[in-house]
Amino acid sequence: MPSSSTRAGARSDVGDTSVPGCGVTVLAHEGGWDEILMVGGPLLVFAAVLFLANRRANSKLAEAAAEPEDSATN
């Protein structure tokens, strides 16, 4: 598929959308930032859920400690 405007030995199918798999933006292996997102994203979500659960548990413990102790026997 060489054209008259290509150099000898140059690939003419690079960026050609008629070739399957070419012309599509590939995000994988772009210097490692995509792998950082694949690991860091779920870690941030897990850390946020853990933080919220810990805050909720601490507030429940504080409420339980603030209640009068004789109300538990009624």
N, C-alpha and C. Protein backbone atom coordinates (compact mmCIF):
# COMPACT_ATOMS: atom_id res chain seq x y z
N MET A 1 0.81 -1.18 0.00
CA MET A 1 0.00 0.00 0.00
C MET A 1 0.86 1.26 0.00
N PRO A 2 2.11 1.20 -0.46
CA PRO A 2 2.95 2.40 -0.48
C PRO A 2 2.45 3.41 -1.48
N SER A 3 2.61 4.64 -1.13
CA SER A 3 2.24 5.72 -2.04
C SER A 3 3.50 6.39 -2.53
N SER A 4 3.37 7.27 -3.49
CA SER A 4 4.54 7.93 -4.06
C SER A 4 5.16 8.93 -3.09
N SER A 5 4.41 9.37 -2.06
CA SER A 5 4.93 10.37 -1.13
C SER A 5 5.66 9.78 0.07
N THR A 6 5.68 8.44 0.21
CA THR A 6 6.36 7.83 1.35
C THR A 6 7.80 7.54 1.02
N ARG A 7 8.63 7.56 2.06
CA ARG A 7 10.04 7.24 1.89
C ARG A 7 10.20 5.73 1.76
N ALA A 8 11.31 5.34 1.29
CA ALA A 8 11.61 3.92 1.19
C ALA A 8 11.75 3.34 2.59
N GLY A 9 11.06 2.28 2.89
CA GLY A 9 11.13 1.63 4.18
C GLY A 9 10.18 2.21 5.22
N ALA A 10 9.48 3.29 4.93
CA ALA A 10 8.53 3.89 5.88
C ALA A 10 7.22 3.12 5.82
N ARG A 11 6.59 3.02 6.94
CA ARG A 11 5.29 2.33 6.99
C ARG A 11 4.20 3.29 6.57
N SER A 12 3.44 2.90 5.60
CA SER A 12 2.36 3.76 5.14
C SER A 12 1.04 3.45 5.82
N ASP A 13 0.97 2.37 6.63
CA ASP A 13 -0.28 2.00 7.27
C ASP A 13 -0.44 2.64 8.64
N VAL A 14 0.55 3.39 9.14
CA VAL A 14 0.46 4.02 10.44
C VAL A 14 -0.56 5.15 10.36
N GLY A 15 -1.58 5.05 11.20
CA GLY A 15 -2.63 6.07 11.21
C GLY A 15 -3.69 5.86 10.14
N ASP A 16 -3.54 4.84 9.33
CA ASP A 16 -4.52 4.54 8.30
C ASP A 16 -5.72 3.87 8.94
N THR A 17 -6.89 4.48 8.83
CA THR A 17 -8.07 3.93 9.50
C THR A 17 -8.66 2.73 8.76
N SER A 18 -8.19 2.45 7.54
CA SER A 18 -8.71 1.28 6.84
C SER A 18 -8.05 -0.01 7.33
N VAL A 19 -6.93 0.11 8.03
CA VAL A 19 -6.26 -1.05 8.58
C VAL A 19 -6.83 -1.33 9.96
N PRO A 20 -7.34 -2.54 10.22
CA PRO A 20 -7.90 -2.84 11.54
C PRO A 20 -6.87 -2.66 12.65
N GLY A 21 -7.26 -1.95 13.69
CA GLY A 21 -6.39 -1.76 14.84
C GLY A 21 -5.53 -0.52 14.76
N CYS A 22 -5.48 0.13 13.64
CA CYS A 22 -4.67 1.34 13.50
C CYS A 22 -5.59 2.56 13.52
N GLY A 23 -5.07 3.66 13.93
CA GLY A 23 -5.85 4.88 13.97
C GLY A 23 -6.68 5.02 15.24
N VAL A 24 -6.53 4.09 16.16
CA VAL A 24 -7.27 4.11 17.41
C VAL A 24 -6.32 4.60 18.50
N THR A 25 -6.79 5.50 19.33
CA THR A 25 -5.96 5.99 20.42
C THR A 25 -5.79 4.90 21.46
N VAL A 26 -4.56 4.60 21.79
CA VAL A 26 -4.24 3.56 22.75
C VAL A 26 -3.74 4.23 24.02
N LEU A 27 -4.39 3.95 25.16
CA LEU A 27 -4.00 4.57 26.42
C LEU A 27 -3.09 3.67 27.25
N ALA A 28 -2.95 2.43 26.86
CA ALA A 28 -2.14 1.51 27.66
C ALA A 28 -0.65 1.77 27.45
N HIS A 29 0.10 1.64 28.51
CA HIS A 29 1.55 1.75 28.49
C HIS A 29 2.04 3.10 27.98
N GLU A 30 1.42 4.15 28.44
CA GLU A 30 1.84 5.50 28.08
C GLU A 30 2.73 6.07 29.18
N GLY A 31 3.83 5.44 29.47
CA GLY A 31 4.76 5.96 30.45
C GLY A 31 4.44 5.59 31.88
N GLY A 32 3.46 4.78 32.11
CA GLY A 32 3.15 4.31 33.45
C GLY A 32 2.02 5.03 34.15
N TRP A 33 1.56 6.15 33.64
CA TRP A 33 0.50 6.88 34.35
C TRP A 33 -0.81 6.10 34.36
N ASP A 34 -1.07 5.30 33.34
CA ASP A 34 -2.31 4.53 33.32
C ASP A 34 -2.28 3.41 34.36
N GLU A 35 -1.11 2.83 34.57
CA GLU A 35 -1.00 1.80 35.61
C GLU A 35 -1.17 2.41 36.99
N ILE A 36 -0.68 3.62 37.16
CA ILE A 36 -0.86 4.32 38.45
C ILE A 36 -2.35 4.55 38.71
N LEU A 37 -3.08 4.95 37.69
CA LEU A 37 -4.53 5.16 37.86
C LEU A 37 -5.26 3.84 38.13
N MET A 38 -4.84 2.77 37.49
CA MET A 38 -5.50 1.48 37.69
C MET A 38 -5.31 0.96 39.11
N VAL A 39 -4.20 1.32 39.75
CA VAL A 39 -3.95 0.89 41.13
C VAL A 39 -4.43 1.95 42.10
N GLY A 40 -4.12 3.19 41.82
CA GLY A 40 -4.42 4.28 42.74
C GLY A 40 -5.91 4.58 42.87
N GLY A 41 -6.65 4.46 41.80
CA GLY A 41 -8.09 4.73 41.84
C GLY A 41 -8.83 3.87 42.85
N PRO A 42 -8.73 2.54 42.72
CA PRO A 42 -9.39 1.68 43.70
C PRO A 42 -8.86 1.86 45.12
N LEU A 43 -7.56 2.15 45.25
CA LEU A 43 -7.02 2.39 46.60
C LEU A 43 -7.63 3.63 47.23
N LEU A 44 -7.81 4.68 46.43
CA LEU A 44 -8.44 5.89 46.96
C LEU A 44 -9.89 5.65 47.35
N VAL A 45 -10.61 4.89 46.56
CA VAL A 45 -12.00 4.56 46.89
C VAL A 45 -12.05 3.75 48.18
N PHE A 46 -11.18 2.75 48.31
CA PHE A 46 -11.13 1.93 49.52
C PHE A 46 -10.78 2.77 50.73
N ALA A 47 -9.82 3.68 50.60
CA ALA A 47 -9.43 4.54 51.72
C ALA A 47 -10.57 5.46 52.12
N ALA A 48 -11.32 5.98 51.15
CA ALA A 48 -12.45 6.86 51.46
C ALA A 48 -13.55 6.10 52.20
N VAL A 49 -13.86 4.89 51.74
CA VAL A 49 -14.88 4.07 52.40
C VAL A 49 -14.44 3.71 53.81
N LEU A 50 -13.17 3.36 53.98
CA LEU A 50 -12.65 3.02 55.29
C LEU A 50 -12.70 4.22 56.23
N PHE A 51 -12.35 5.40 55.72
CA PHE A 51 -12.41 6.62 56.52
C PHE A 51 -13.83 6.92 56.98
N LEU A 52 -14.79 6.81 56.06
CA LEU A 52 -16.19 7.08 56.42
C LEU A 52 -16.72 6.05 57.42
N ALA A 53 -16.37 4.79 57.25
CA ALA A 53 -16.82 3.75 58.18
C ALA A 53 -16.21 3.96 59.56
N ASN A 54 -14.95 4.36 59.62
CA ASN A 54 -14.30 4.61 60.90
C ASN A 54 -14.92 5.81 61.61
N ARG A 55 -15.21 6.85 60.84
CA ARG A 55 -15.85 8.03 61.43
C ARG A 55 -17.25 7.68 61.97
N ARG A 56 -17.98 6.87 61.22
CA ARG A 56 -19.32 6.47 61.67
C ARG A 56 -19.24 5.60 62.92
N ALA A 57 -18.28 4.68 62.97
CA ALA A 57 -18.13 3.81 64.14
C ALA A 57 -17.74 4.62 65.37
N ASN A 58 -16.85 5.59 65.19
CA ASN A 58 -16.45 6.44 66.32
C ASN A 58 -17.61 7.28 66.84
N SER A 59 -18.47 7.76 65.95
CA SER A 59 -19.63 8.54 66.41
C SER A 59 -20.63 7.66 67.15
N LYS A 60 -20.79 6.41 66.70
CA LYS A 60 -21.68 5.48 67.42
C LYS A 60 -21.12 5.16 68.81
N LEU A 61 -19.81 5.00 68.91
CA LEU A 61 -19.21 4.75 70.22
C LEU A 61 -19.36 5.96 71.14
N ALA A 62 -19.23 7.15 70.58
CA ALA A 62 -19.39 8.35 71.38
C ALA A 62 -20.83 8.50 71.86
N GLU A 63 -21.79 8.16 71.02
CA GLU A 63 -23.20 8.21 71.42
C GLU A 63 -23.48 7.20 72.53
N ALA A 64 -22.93 6.01 72.40
CA ALA A 64 -23.15 4.97 73.40
C ALA A 64 -22.52 5.35 74.74
N ALA A 65 -21.39 6.01 74.72
CA ALA A 65 -20.72 6.42 75.95
C ALA A 65 -21.46 7.60 76.61
N ALA A 66 -22.15 8.40 75.82
CA ALA A 66 -22.86 9.57 76.36
C ALA A 66 -24.21 9.21 76.97
N GLU A 67 -24.77 8.06 76.62
CA GLU A 67 -26.08 7.67 77.16
C GLU A 67 -25.94 7.32 78.65
N PRO A 68 -26.98 7.60 79.41
CA PRO A 68 -26.95 7.18 80.81
C PRO A 68 -26.94 5.66 80.91
N GLU A 69 -26.22 5.13 81.89
CA GLU A 69 -26.05 3.70 82.00
C GLU A 69 -27.29 3.02 82.56
N ASP A 70 -28.13 3.72 83.32
CA ASP A 70 -29.31 3.08 83.88
C ASP A 70 -30.41 2.86 82.84
N SER A 71 -30.34 3.51 81.68
CA SER A 71 -31.37 3.28 80.67
C SER A 71 -31.23 1.90 80.04
N ALA A 72 -30.09 1.29 80.13
CA ALA A 72 -29.89 -0.03 79.55
C ALA A 72 -30.61 -1.10 80.39
N THR A 73 -30.86 -0.86 81.67
CA THR A 73 -31.52 -1.85 82.52
C THR A 73 -33.04 -1.75 82.42
N ASN A 74 -33.61 -0.71 81.88
CA ASN A 74 -35.07 -0.56 81.78
C ASN A 74 -35.65 -1.33 80.68
